[in-house]
């Protein structure tokens, strides 16, 4: 919810609270966090899902929400949609997913080694 509220603030409000600099970095971090939250939520709701599937679904869900935010911004008179923002959202989700994937793989190797 916070990502959508922040993403739909008028540009002048966003720049006054310091969101102008590092906009793409903020997008990447926000949607990396979103990937983690979505993955954790799915693992809680469907505990039988494999960790890797949960990770992939978290990445896809986070990227989809990034696309949805850009569509909302396109329909908002005081904001504009940017492909670069969607790319940053997706990259953030992919990076978080890659880290989660690696940690899950490392955990599996540790279990096999014992």
PDB file of N, CA and C in Angstrom:
ATOM      1  N   UNK A   1       0.827  -1.181   0.000  1.00  0.00           N
ATOM      2  CA  UNK A   1       0.000   0.000   0.000  1.00  0.00           C
ATOM      3  C   UNK A   1       0.875   1.249   0.000  1.00  0.00           C
ATOM      4  N   UNK A   2       1.927   1.238   0.806  1.00  0.00           N
ATOM      5  CA  UNK A   2       2.807   2.419   0.901  1.00  0.00           C
ATOM      6  C   UNK A   2       3.464   2.728  -0.442  1.00  0.00           C
ATOM      7  N   UNK A   3       3.814   1.688  -1.198  1.00  0.00           N
ATOM      8  CA  UNK A   3       4.446   1.903  -2.512  1.00  0.00           C
ATOM      9  C   UNK A   3       3.474   2.601  -3.450  1.00  0.00           C
ATOM     10  N   UNK A   4       2.213   2.197  -3.431  1.00  0.00           N
ATOM     11  CA  UNK A   4       1.226   2.821  -4.307  1.00  0.00           C
ATOM     12  C   UNK A   4       0.889   4.237  -3.853  1.00  0.00           C
ATOM     13  N   UNK A   5       0.796   4.463  -2.564  1.00  0.00           N
ATOM     14  CA  UNK A   5       0.533   5.819  -2.074  1.00  0.00           C
ATOM     15  C   UNK A   5       1.687   6.728  -2.462  1.00  0.00           C
ATOM     16  N   UNK A   6       2.909   6.300  -2.189  1.00  0.00           N
ATOM     17  CA  UNK A   6       4.075   7.100  -2.565  1.00  0.00           C
ATOM     18  C   UNK A   6       4.195   7.294  -4.058  1.00  0.00           C
ATOM     19  N   UNK A   7       3.860   6.249  -4.811  1.00  0.00           N
ATOM     20  CA  UNK A   7       3.963   6.316  -6.266  1.00  0.00           C
ATOM     21  C   UNK A   7       2.903   7.169  -6.919  1.00  0.00           C
ATOM     22  N   UNK A   8       1.850   7.501  -6.183  1.00  0.00           N
ATOM     23  CA  UNK A   8       0.786   8.318  -6.755  1.00  0.00           C
ATOM     24  C   UNK A   8       0.754   9.733  -6.182  1.00  0.00           C
ATOM     25  N   UNK A   9       1.721  10.055  -5.299  1.00  0.00           N
ATOM     26  CA  UNK A   9       1.823  11.428  -4.801  1.00  0.00           C
ATOM     27  C   UNK A   9       2.139  12.372  -5.961  1.00  0.00           C
ATOM     28  N   UNK A  10       1.650  13.590  -5.906  1.00  0.00           N
ATOM     29  CA  UNK A  10       2.059  14.564  -6.934  1.00  0.00           C
ATOM     30  C   UNK A  10       3.574  14.741  -6.927  1.00  0.00           C
ATOM     31  N   UNK A  11       4.154  14.983  -8.088  1.00  0.00           N
ATOM     32  CA  UNK A  11       5.601  15.109  -8.229  1.00  0.00           C
ATOM     33  C   UNK A  11       6.172  16.172  -7.298  1.00  0.00           C
ATOM     34  N   UNK A  12       5.492  17.327  -7.159  1.00  0.00           N
ATOM     35  CA  UNK A  12       6.034  18.390  -6.305  1.00  0.00           C
ATOM     36  C   UNK A  12       6.099  17.954  -4.845  1.00  0.00           C
ATOM     37  N   UNK A  13       5.147  17.152  -4.390  1.00  0.00           N
ATOM     38  CA  UNK A  13       5.182  16.633  -3.019  1.00  0.00           C
ATOM     39  C   UNK A  13       6.338  15.651  -2.879  1.00  0.00           C
ATOM     40  N   UNK A  14       6.500  14.764  -3.856  1.00  0.00           N
ATOM     41  CA  UNK A  14       7.575  13.776  -3.812  1.00  0.00           C
ATOM     42  C   UNK A  14       8.942  14.451  -3.789  1.00  0.00           C
ATOM     43  N   UNK A  15       9.119  15.510  -4.568  1.00  0.00           N
ATOM     44  CA  UNK A  15      10.415  16.176  -4.601  1.00  0.00           C
ATOM     45  C   UNK A  15      10.681  16.924  -3.296  1.00  0.00           C
ATOM     46  N   UNK A  16       9.642  17.438  -2.655  1.00  0.00           N
ATOM     47  CA  UNK A  16       9.828  18.139  -1.376  1.00  0.00           C
ATOM     48  C   UNK A  16      10.264  17.194  -0.268  1.00  0.00           C
ATOM     49  N   UNK A  17       9.875  15.932  -0.340  1.00  0.00           N
ATOM     50  CA  UNK A  17      10.279  14.992   0.713  1.00  0.00           C
ATOM     51  C   UNK A  17      11.509  14.192   0.296  1.00  0.00           C
ATOM     52  N   UNK A  18      12.191  14.616  -0.748  1.00  0.00           N
ATOM     53  CA  UNK A  18      13.489  14.057  -1.095  1.00  0.00           C
ATOM     54  C   UNK A  18      13.480  12.841  -1.993  1.00  0.00           C
ATOM     55  N   UNK A  19      12.402  12.613  -2.722  1.00  0.00           N
ATOM     56  CA  UNK A  19      12.333  11.430  -3.574  1.00  0.00           C
ATOM     57  C   UNK A  19      12.816  11.678  -4.998  1.00  0.00           C
ATOM     58  N   UNK A  20      13.262  12.870  -5.302  1.00  0.00           N
ATOM     59  CA  UNK A  20      13.692  13.154  -6.666  1.00  0.00           C
ATOM     60  C   UNK A  20      15.014  12.480  -6.994  1.00  0.00           C
ATOM     61  N   UNK A  21      15.979  12.579  -6.080  1.00  0.00           N
ATOM     62  CA  UNK A  21      17.283  11.973  -6.317  1.00  0.00           C
ATOM     63  C   UNK A  21      17.194  10.469  -6.088  1.00  0.00           C
ATOM     64  N   UNK A  22      17.798   9.744  -6.978  1.00  0.00           N
ATOM     65  CA  UNK A  22      17.820   8.291  -6.822  1.00  0.00           C
ATOM     66  C   UNK A  22      16.481   7.629  -7.048  1.00  0.00           C
ATOM     67  N   UNK A  23      15.674   8.202  -7.911  1.00  0.00           N
ATOM     68  CA  UNK A  23      14.335   7.673  -8.154  1.00  0.00           C
ATOM     69  C   UNK A  23      14.367   6.205  -8.572  1.00  0.00           C
ATOM     70  N   UNK A  24      15.252   5.866  -9.473  1.00  0.00           N
ATOM     71  CA  UNK A  24      15.302   4.475  -9.957  1.00  0.00           C
ATOM     72  C   UNK A  24      15.791   3.538  -8.858  1.00  0.00           C
ATOM     73  N   UNK A  25      16.719   4.017  -8.032  1.00  0.00           N
ATOM     74  CA  UNK A  25      17.188   3.212  -6.906  1.00  0.00           C
ATOM     75  C   UNK A  25      16.058   2.967  -5.910  1.00  0.00           C
ATOM     76  N   UNK A  26      15.266   4.002  -5.668  1.00  0.00           N
ATOM     77  CA  UNK A  26      14.114   3.855  -4.775  1.00  0.00           C
ATOM     78  C   UNK A  26      13.138   2.833  -5.339  1.00  0.00           C
ATOM     79  N   UNK A  27      12.895   2.884  -6.647  1.00  0.00           N
ATOM     80  CA  UNK A  27      12.023   1.889  -7.285  1.00  0.00           C
ATOM     81  C   UNK A  27      12.579   0.486  -7.078  1.00  0.00           C
ATOM     82  N   UNK A  28      13.853   0.306  -7.337  1.00  0.00           N
ATOM     83  CA  UNK A  28      14.469  -1.024  -7.220  1.00  0.00           C
ATOM     84  C   UNK A  28      14.386  -1.545  -5.792  1.00  0.00           C
ATOM     85  N   UNK A  29      14.695  -0.714  -4.825  1.00  0.00           N
ATOM     86  CA  UNK A  29      14.660  -1.142  -3.420  1.00  0.00           C
ATOM     87  C   UNK A  29      13.226  -1.452  -2.985  1.00  0.00           C
ATOM     88  N   UNK A  30      12.290  -0.602  -3.365  1.00  0.00           N
ATOM     89  CA  UNK A  30      10.888  -0.818  -2.972  1.00  0.00           C
ATOM     90  C   UNK A  30      10.355  -2.134  -3.523  1.00  0.00           C
ATOM     91  N   UNK A  31      10.680  -2.442  -4.779  1.00  0.00           N
ATOM     92  CA  UNK A  31      10.130  -3.659  -5.366  1.00  0.00           C
ATOM     93  C   UNK A  31      10.952  -4.896  -5.021  1.00  0.00           C
ATOM     94  N   UNK A  32      12.184  -4.706  -4.590  1.00  0.00           N
ATOM     95  CA  UNK A  32      12.940  -5.823  -3.999  1.00  0.00           C
ATOM     96  C   UNK A  32      12.279  -6.205  -2.679  1.00  0.00           C
ATOM     97  N   UNK A  33      11.956  -5.194  -1.885  1.00  0.00           N
ATOM     98  CA  UNK A  33      11.251  -5.431  -0.628  1.00  0.00           C
ATOM     99  C   UNK A  33       9.891  -6.075  -0.893  1.00  0.00           C
ATOM    100  N   UNK A  34       9.212  -5.608  -1.930  1.00  0.00           N
ATOM    101  CA  UNK A  34       7.909  -6.172  -2.289  1.00  0.00           C
ATOM    102  C   UNK A  34       8.038  -7.653  -2.630  1.00  0.00           C
ATOM    103  N   UNK A  35       9.109  -8.026  -3.329  1.00  0.00           N
ATOM    104  CA  UNK A  35       9.334  -9.433  -3.677  1.00  0.00           C
ATOM    105  C   UNK A  35       9.464 -10.270  -2.411  1.00  0.00           C
ATOM    106  N   UNK A  36      10.205  -9.769  -1.444  1.00  0.00           N
ATOM    107  CA  UNK A  36      10.391 -10.495  -0.181  1.00  0.00           C
ATOM    108  C   UNK A  36       9.053 -10.647   0.542  1.00  0.00           C
ATOM    109  N   UNK A  37       8.300  -9.567   0.613  1.00  0.00           N
ATOM    110  CA  UNK A  37       7.003  -9.601   1.305  1.00  0.00           C
ATOM    111  C   UNK A  37       6.047 -10.576   0.615  1.00  0.00           C
ATOM    112  N   UNK A  38       5.971 -10.508  -0.703  1.00  0.00           N
ATOM    113  CA  UNK A  38       5.074 -11.414  -1.437  1.00  0.00           C
ATOM    114  C   UNK A  38       5.495 -12.871  -1.256  1.00  0.00           C
ATOM    115  N   UNK A  39       6.787 -13.124  -1.333  1.00  0.00           N
ATOM    116  CA  UNK A  39       7.266 -14.497  -1.170  1.00  0.00           C
ATOM    117  C   UNK A  39       6.950 -15.030   0.222  1.00  0.00           C
ATOM    118  N   UNK A  40       7.186 -14.210   1.238  1.00  0.00           N
ATOM    119  CA  UNK A  40       6.891 -14.629   2.613  1.00  0.00           C
ATOM    120  C   UNK A  40       5.392 -14.881   2.794  1.00  0.00           C
ATOM    121  N   UNK A  41       4.564 -14.006   2.207  1.00  0.00           N
ATOM    122  CA  UNK A  41       3.116 -14.173   2.320  1.00  0.00           C
ATOM    123  C   UNK A  41       2.665 -15.468   1.646  1.00  0.00           C
ATOM    124  N   UNK A  42       3.198 -15.743   0.451  1.00  0.00           N
ATOM    125  CA  UNK A  42       2.817 -16.975  -0.250  1.00  0.00           C
ATOM    126  C   UNK A  42       3.288 -18.212   0.506  1.00  0.00           C
ATOM    127  N   UNK A  43       4.483 -18.151   1.074  1.00  0.00           N
ATOM    128  CA  UNK A  43       4.987 -19.287   1.847  1.00  0.00           C
ATOM    129  C   UNK A  43       4.123 -19.526   3.083  1.00  0.00           C
ATOM    130  N   UNK A  44       3.576 -18.468   3.647  1.00  0.00           N
ATOM    131  CA  UNK A  44       2.696 -18.604   4.807  1.00  0.00           C
ATOM    132  C   UNK A  44       1.348 -19.187   4.406  1.00  0.00           C
ATOM    133  N   UNK A  45       0.785 -18.660   3.318  1.00  0.00           N
ATOM    134  CA  UNK A  45      -0.550 -19.099   2.886  1.00  0.00           C
ATOM    135  C   UNK A  45      -0.507 -20.511   2.303  1.00  0.00           C
ATOM    136  N   UNK A  46       0.546 -20.814   1.528  1.00  0.00           N
ATOM    137  CA  UNK A  46       0.699 -22.130   0.904  1.00  0.00           C
ATOM    138  C   UNK A  46       2.016 -22.761   1.359  1.00  0.00           C
ATOM    139  N   UNK A  47       2.053 -23.288   2.579  1.00  0.00           N
ATOM    140  CA  UNK A  47       3.317 -23.797   3.120  1.00  0.00           C
ATOM    141  C   UNK A  47       3.886 -24.980   2.337  1.00  0.00           C
ATOM    142  N   UNK A  48       3.107 -25.627   1.529  1.00  0.00           N
ATOM    143  CA  UNK A  48       3.584 -26.776   0.764  1.00  0.00           C
ATOM    144  C   UNK A  48       4.364 -26.406  -0.493  1.00  0.00           C
ATOM    145  N   UNK A  49       4.339 -25.143  -0.901  1.00  0.00           N
ATOM    146  CA  UNK A  49       5.053 -24.736  -2.114  1.00  0.00           C
ATOM    147  C   UNK A  49       6.554 -24.783  -1.893  1.00  0.00           C
ATOM    148  N   UNK A  50       7.266 -25.174  -2.925  1.00  0.00           N
ATOM    149  CA  UNK A  50       8.726 -25.192  -2.854  1.00  0.00           C
ATOM    150  C   UNK A  50       9.247 -23.766  -2.782  1.00  0.00           C
ATOM    151  N   UNK A  51      10.372 -23.610  -2.105  1.00  0.00           N
ATOM    152  CA  UNK A  51      10.967 -22.294  -1.903  1.00  0.00           C
ATOM    153  C   UNK A  51      11.257 -21.628  -3.241  1.00  0.00           C
ATOM    154  N   UNK A  52      11.745 -22.364  -4.191  1.00  0.00           N
ATOM    155  CA  UNK A  52      12.085 -21.772  -5.486  1.00  0.00           C
ATOM    156  C   UNK A  52      10.847 -21.286  -6.237  1.00  0.00           C
ATOM    157  N   UNK A  53       9.752 -22.037  -6.145  1.00  0.00           N
ATOM    158  CA  UNK A  53       8.515 -21.600  -6.790  1.00  0.00           C
ATOM    159  C   UNK A  53       7.993 -20.330  -6.125  1.00  0.00           C
ATOM    160  N   UNK A  54       8.048 -20.292  -4.808  1.00  0.00           N
ATOM    161  CA  UNK A  54       7.624 -19.099  -4.076  1.00  0.00           C
ATOM    162  C   UNK A  54       8.473 -17.899  -4.497  1.00  0.00           C
ATOM    163  N   UNK A  55       9.773 -18.115  -4.683  1.00  0.00           N
ATOM    164  CA  UNK A  55      10.671 -17.041  -5.104  1.00  0.00           C
ATOM    165  C   UNK A  55      10.292 -16.527  -6.485  1.00  0.00           C
ATOM    166  N   UNK A  56      10.076 -17.427  -7.420  1.00  0.00           N
ATOM    167  CA  UNK A  56       9.699 -17.024  -8.782  1.00  0.00           C
ATOM    168  C   UNK A  56       8.357 -16.297  -8.775  1.00  0.00           C
ATOM    169  N   UNK A  57       7.393 -16.810  -8.043  1.00  0.00           N
ATOM    170  CA  UNK A  57       6.089 -16.149  -7.967  1.00  0.00           C
ATOM    171  C   UNK A  57       6.202 -14.775  -7.311  1.00  0.00           C
ATOM    172  N   UNK A  58       7.075 -14.641  -6.330  1.00  0.00           N
ATOM    173  CA  UNK A  58       7.305 -13.341  -5.702  1.00  0.00           C
ATOM    174  C   UNK A  58       7.887 -12.334  -6.678  1.00  0.00           C
ATOM    175  N   UNK A  59       8.843 -12.782  -7.509  1.00  0.00           N
ATOM    176  CA  UNK A  59       9.429 -11.908  -8.529  1.00  0.00           C
ATOM    177  C   UNK A  59       8.366 -11.486  -9.536  1.00  0.00           C
ATOM    178  N   UNK A  60       7.610 -12.452 -10.031  1.00  0.00           N
ATOM    179  CA  UNK A  60       6.574 -12.139 -11.027  1.00  0.00           C
ATOM    180  C   UNK A  60       5.500 -11.222 -10.449  1.00  0.00           C
ATOM    181  N   UNK A  61       5.085 -11.493  -9.218  1.00  0.00           N
ATOM    182  CA  UNK A  61       4.067 -10.655  -8.583  1.00  0.00           C
ATOM    183  C   UNK A  61       4.550  -9.240  -8.345  1.00  0.00           C
ATOM    184  N   UNK A  62       5.796  -9.114  -7.887  1.00  0.00           N
ATOM    185  CA  UNK A  62       6.360  -7.792  -7.652  1.00  0.00           C
ATOM    186  C   UNK A  62       6.488  -7.009  -8.958  1.00  0.00           C
ATOM    187  N   UNK A  63       6.979  -7.658  -9.997  1.00  0.00           N
ATOM    188  CA  UNK A  63       7.098  -6.990 -11.303  1.00  0.00           C
ATOM    189  C   UNK A  63       5.713  -6.594 -11.827  1.00  0.00           C
ATOM    190  N   UNK A  64       4.728  -7.463 -11.649  1.00  0.00           N
ATOM    191  CA  UNK A  64       3.369  -7.148 -12.099  1.00  0.00           C
ATOM    192  C   UNK A  64       2.809  -5.942 -11.343  1.00  0.00           C
ATOM    193  N   UNK A  65       3.072  -5.874 -10.041  1.00  0.00           N
ATOM    194  CA  UNK A  65       2.612  -4.712  -9.273  1.00  0.00           C
ATOM    195  C   UNK A  65       3.333  -3.435  -9.714  1.00  0.00           C
ATOM    196  N   UNK A  66       4.598  -3.561 -10.108  1.00  0.00           N
ATOM    197  CA  UNK A  66       5.321  -2.415 -10.661  1.00  0.00           C
ATOM    198  C   UNK A  66       4.673  -1.929 -11.942  1.00  0.00           C
ATOM    199  N   UNK A  67       4.283  -2.867 -12.799  1.00  0.00           N
ATOM    200  CA  UNK A  67       3.580  -2.501 -14.032  1.00  0.00           C
ATOM    201  C   UNK A  67       2.234  -1.868 -13.733  1.00  0.00           C
ATOM    202  N   UNK A  68       1.531  -2.400 -12.741  1.00  0.00           N
ATOM    203  CA  UNK A  68       0.237  -1.846 -12.360  1.00  0.00           C
ATOM    204  C   UNK A  68       0.386  -0.418 -11.829  1.00  0.00           C
ATOM    205  N   UNK A  69       1.418  -0.175 -11.041  1.00  0.00           N
ATOM    206  CA  UNK A  69       1.666   1.175 -10.546  1.00  0.00           C
ATOM    207  C   UNK A  69       1.914   2.142 -11.703  1.00  0.00           C
ATOM    208  N   UNK A  70       2.664   1.703 -12.690  1.00  0.00           N
ATOM    209  CA  UNK A  70       2.916   2.573 -13.849  1.00  0.00           C
ATOM    210  C   UNK A  70       1.620   2.855 -14.614  1.00  0.00           C
ATOM    211  N   UNK A  71       0.747   1.868 -14.722  1.00  0.00           N
ATOM    212  CA  UNK A  71      -0.555   2.096 -15.365  1.00  0.00           C
ATOM    213  C   UNK A  71      -1.391   3.102 -14.577  1.00  0.00           C
ATOM    214  N   UNK A  72      -1.371   2.976 -13.244  1.00  0.00           N
ATOM    215  CA  UNK A  72      -2.077   3.942 -12.402  1.00  0.00           C
ATOM    216  C   UNK A  72      -1.503   5.335 -12.601  1.00  0.00           C
ATOM    217  N   UNK A  73      -0.167   5.430 -12.671  1.00  0.00           N
ATOM    218  CA  UNK A  73       0.461   6.732 -12.862  1.00  0.00           C
ATOM    219  C   UNK A  73       0.099   7.326 -14.226  1.00  0.00           C
ATOM    220  N   UNK A  74      -0.040   6.488 -15.234  1.00  0.00           N
ATOM    221  CA  UNK A  74      -0.431   6.976 -16.563  1.00  0.00           C
ATOM    222  C   UNK A  74      -1.840   7.562 -16.539  1.00  0.00           C
ATOM    223  N   UNK A  75      -2.687   7.035 -15.652  1.00  0.00           N
ATOM    224  CA  UNK A  75      -4.069   7.504 -15.570  1.00  0.00           C
ATOM    225  C   UNK A  75      -4.239   8.644 -14.573  1.00  0.00           C
ATOM    226  N   UNK A  76      -3.150   9.051 -13.936  1.00  0.00           N
ATOM    227  CA  UNK A  76      -3.204  10.117 -12.944  1.00  0.00           C
ATOM    228  C   UNK A  76      -2.694  11.407 -13.581  1.00  0.00           C
ATOM    229  N   UNK A  77      -3.451  12.505 -13.477  1.00  0.00           N
ATOM    230  CA  UNK A  77      -3.057  13.730 -14.185  1.00  0.00           C
ATOM    231  C   UNK A  77      -1.733  14.338 -13.714  1.00  0.00           C
ATOM    232  N   UNK A  78      -1.348  14.118 -12.471  1.00  0.00           N
ATOM    233  CA  UNK A  78      -0.141  14.738 -11.940  1.00  0.00           C
ATOM    234  C   UNK A  78       1.077  13.804 -11.956  1.00  0.00           C
ATOM    235  N   UNK A  79       0.957  12.633 -12.573  1.00  0.00           N
ATOM    236  CA  UNK A  79       2.075  11.692 -12.681  1.00  0.00           C
ATOM    237  C   UNK A  79       2.160  11.192 -14.113  1.00  0.00           C
ATOM    238  N   UNK A  80       3.265  10.542 -14.439  1.00  0.00           N
ATOM    239  CA  UNK A  80       3.448   9.968 -15.776  1.00  0.00           C
ATOM    240  C   UNK A  80       4.092   8.599 -15.618  1.00  0.00           C
ATOM    241  N   UNK A  81       3.700   7.689 -16.481  1.00  0.00           N
ATOM    242  CA  UNK A  81       4.295   6.359 -16.467  1.00  0.00           C
ATOM    243  C   UNK A  81       5.636   6.400 -17.189  1.00  0.00           C
ATOM    244  N   UNK A  82       6.598   5.635 -16.685  1.00  0.00           N
ATOM    245  CA  UNK A  82       7.906   5.556 -17.323  1.00  0.00           C
ATOM    246  C   UNK A  82       8.321   4.104 -17.443  1.00  0.00           C
ATOM    247  N   UNK A  83       8.762   3.718 -18.631  1.00  0.00           N
ATOM    248  CA  UNK A  83       9.272   2.376 -18.833  1.00  0.00           C
ATOM    249  C   UNK A  83      10.496   2.131 -17.941  1.00  0.00           C
ATOM    250  N   UNK A  84      11.330   3.154 -17.766  1.00  0.00           N
ATOM    251  CA  UNK A  84      12.522   3.013 -16.924  1.00  0.00           C
ATOM    252  C   UNK A  84      12.156   2.695 -15.475  1.00  0.00           C
ATOM    253  N   UNK A  85      11.045   3.225 -14.990  1.00  0.00           N
ATOM    254  CA  UNK A  85      10.589   2.901 -13.635  1.00  0.00           C
ATOM    255  C   UNK A  85      10.188   1.428 -13.548  1.00  0.00           C
ATOM    256  N   UNK A  86       9.461   0.961 -14.554  1.00  0.00           N
ATOM    257  CA  UNK A  86       9.062  -0.448 -14.576  1.00  0.00           C
ATOM    258  C   UNK A  86      10.290  -1.360 -14.646  1.00  0.00           C
ATOM    259  N   UNK A  87      11.282  -0.971 -15.425  1.00  0.00           N
ATOM    260  CA  UNK A  87      12.522  -1.752 -15.520  1.00  0.00           C
ATOM    261  C   UNK A  87      13.216  -1.775 -14.158  1.00  0.00           C
ATOM    262  N   UNK A  88      13.276  -0.634 -13.486  1.00  0.00           N
ATOM    263  CA  UNK A  88      13.891  -0.580 -12.154  1.00  0.00           C
ATOM    264  C   UNK A  88      13.121  -1.442 -11.157  1.00  0.00           C
ATOM    265  N   UNK A  89      11.786  -1.420 -11.224  1.00  0.00           N
ATOM    266  CA  UNK A  89      10.957  -2.261 -10.354  1.00  0.00           C
ATOM    267  C   UNK A  89      11.286  -3.734 -10.582  1.00  0.00           C
ATOM    268  N   UNK A  90      11.338  -4.119 -11.840  1.00  0.00           N
ATOM    269  CA  UNK A  90      11.589  -5.512 -12.198  1.00  0.00           C
ATOM    270  C   UNK A  90      13.001  -5.932 -11.806  1.00  0.00           C
ATOM    271  N   UNK A  91      13.977  -5.068 -12.035  1.00  0.00           N
ATOM    272  CA  UNK A  91      15.356  -5.394 -11.642  1.00  0.00           C
ATOM    273  C   UNK A  91      15.474  -5.566 -10.132  1.00  0.00           C
ATOM    274  N   UNK A  92      14.824  -4.706  -9.372  1.00  0.00           N
ATOM    275  CA  UNK A  92      14.835  -4.850  -7.918  1.00  0.00           C
ATOM    276  C   UNK A  92      14.246  -6.181  -7.484  1.00  0.00           C
ATOM    277  N   UNK A  93      13.118  -6.547  -8.080  1.00  0.00           N
ATOM    278  CA  UNK A  93      12.483  -7.828  -7.761  1.00  0.00           C
ATOM    279  C   UNK A  93      13.375  -8.996  -8.166  1.00  0.00           C
ATOM    280  N   UNK A  94      14.008  -8.891  -9.329  1.00  0.00           N
ATOM    281  CA  UNK A  94      14.906  -9.960  -9.788  1.00  0.00           C
ATOM    282  C   UNK A  94      16.125 -10.118  -8.884  1.00  0.00           C
ATOM    283  N   UNK A  95      16.696  -9.009  -8.453  1.00  0.00           N
ATOM    284  CA  UNK A  95      17.863  -9.084  -7.567  1.00  0.00           C
ATOM    285  C   UNK A  95      17.487  -9.727  -6.238  1.00  0.00           C
ATOM    286  N   UNK A  96      16.381  -9.308  -5.665  1.00  0.00           N
ATOM    287  CA  UNK A  96      15.929  -9.913  -4.408  1.00  0.00           C
ATOM    288  C   UNK A  96      15.616 -11.390  -4.611  1.00  0.00           C
ATOM    289  N   UNK A  97      14.997 -11.718  -5.738  1.00  0.00           N
ATOM    290  CA  UNK A  97      14.691 -13.118  -6.038  1.00  0.00           C
ATOM    291  C   UNK A  97      15.948 -13.949  -6.221  1.00  0.00           C
ATOM    292  N   UNK A  98      16.950 -13.375  -6.880  1.00  0.00           N
ATOM    293  CA  UNK A  98      18.209 -14.097  -7.082  1.00  0.00           C
ATOM    294  C   UNK A  98      18.904 -14.367  -5.752  1.00  0.00           C
ATOM    295  N   UNK A  99      18.874 -13.395  -4.860  1.00  0.00           N
ATOM    296  CA  UNK A  99      19.476 -13.592  -3.534  1.00  0.00           C
ATOM    297  C   UNK A  99      18.713 -14.678  -2.781  1.00  0.00           C
ATOM    298  N   UNK A 100      17.383 -14.618  -2.819  1.00  0.00           N
ATOM    299  CA  UNK A 100      16.570 -15.638  -2.139  1.00  0.00           C
ATOM    300  C   UNK A 100      16.812 -17.020  -2.741  1.00  0.00           C
ATOM    301  N   UNK A 101      16.893 -17.080  -4.066  1.00  0.00           N
ATOM    302  CA  UNK A 101      17.142 -18.343  -4.763  1.00  0.00           C
ATOM    303  C   UNK A 101      18.478 -18.927  -4.308  1.00  0.00           C
ATOM    304  N   UNK A 102      19.501 -18.068  -4.267  1.00  0.00           N
ATOM    305  CA  UNK A 102      20.840 -18.505  -3.869  1.00  0.00           C
ATOM    306  C   UNK A 102      20.846 -18.992  -2.422  1.00  0.00           C
ATOM    307  N   UNK A 103      20.178 -18.269  -1.544  1.00  0.00           N
ATOM    308  CA  UNK A 103      20.113 -18.686  -0.150  1.00  0.00           C
ATOM    309  C   UNK A 103      19.375 -20.013  -0.001  1.00  0.00           C
ATOM    310  N   UNK A 104      18.311 -20.198  -0.783  1.00  0.00           N
ATOM    311  CA  UNK A 104      17.576 -21.464  -0.733  1.00  0.00           C
ATOM    312  C   UNK A 104      18.451 -22.600  -1.242  1.00  0.00           C
ATOM    313  N   UNK A 105      19.194 -22.347  -2.306  1.00  0.00           N
ATOM    314  CA  UNK A 105      20.086 -23.369  -2.859  1.00  0.00           C
ATOM    315  C   UNK A 105      21.195 -23.701  -1.867  1.00  0.00           C
ATOM    316  N   UNK A 106      21.733 -22.681  -1.214  1.00  0.00           N
ATOM    317  CA  UNK A 106      22.791 -22.885  -0.223  1.00  0.00           C
ATOM    318  C   UNK A 106      22.261 -23.744   0.924  1.00  0.00           C
ATOM    319  N   UNK A 107      21.033 -23.472   1.349  1.00  0.00           N
ATOM    320  CA  UNK A 107      20.410 -24.262   2.420  1.00  0.00           C
ATOM    321  C   UNK A 107      20.226 -25.709   2.021  1.00  0.00           C
ATOM    322  N   UNK A 108      19.838 -25.952   0.753  1.00  0.00           N
ATOM    323  CA  UNK A 108      19.669 -27.321   0.282  1.00  0.00           C
ATOM    324  C   UNK A 108      20.997 -28.053   0.250  1.00  0.00           C
ATOM    325  N   UNK A 109      22.061 -27.376  -0.181  1.00  0.00           N
ATOM    326  CA  UNK A 109      23.381 -28.000  -0.207  1.00  0.00           C
ATOM    327  C   UNK A 109      23.834 -28.340   1.204  1.00  0.00           C
ATOM    328  N   UNK A 110      23.561 -27.433   2.147  1.00  0.00           N
ATOM    329  CA  UNK A 110      23.958 -27.674   3.537  1.00  0.00           C
ATOM    330  C   UNK A 110      23.261 -28.890   4.096  1.00  0.00           C
ATOM    331  N   UNK A 111      21.975 -29.081   3.744  1.00  0.00           N
ATOM    332  CA  UNK A 111      21.222 -30.238   4.219  1.00  0.00           C
ATOM    333  C   UNK A 111      21.781 -31.511   3.602  1.00  0.00           C
ATOM    334  N   UNK A 112      22.108 -31.482   2.308  1.00  0.00           N
ATOM    335  CA  UNK A 112      22.631 -32.662   1.637  1.00  0.00           C
ATOM    336  C   UNK A 112      24.008 -33.059   2.173  1.00  0.00           C
ATOM    337  N   UNK A 113      24.799 -32.091   2.609  1.00  0.00           N
ATOM    338  CA  UNK A 113      26.155 -32.371   3.060  1.00  0.00           C
ATOM    339  C   UNK A 113      26.194 -33.044   4.426  1.00  0.00           C
ATOM    340  N   UNK A 114      25.082 -32.948   5.169  1.00  0.00           N
ATOM    341  CA  UNK A 114      25.105 -33.556   6.517  1.00  0.00           C
ATOM    342  C   UNK A 114      24.557 -34.946   6.518  1.00  0.00           C
TER     343      UNK A 114
END
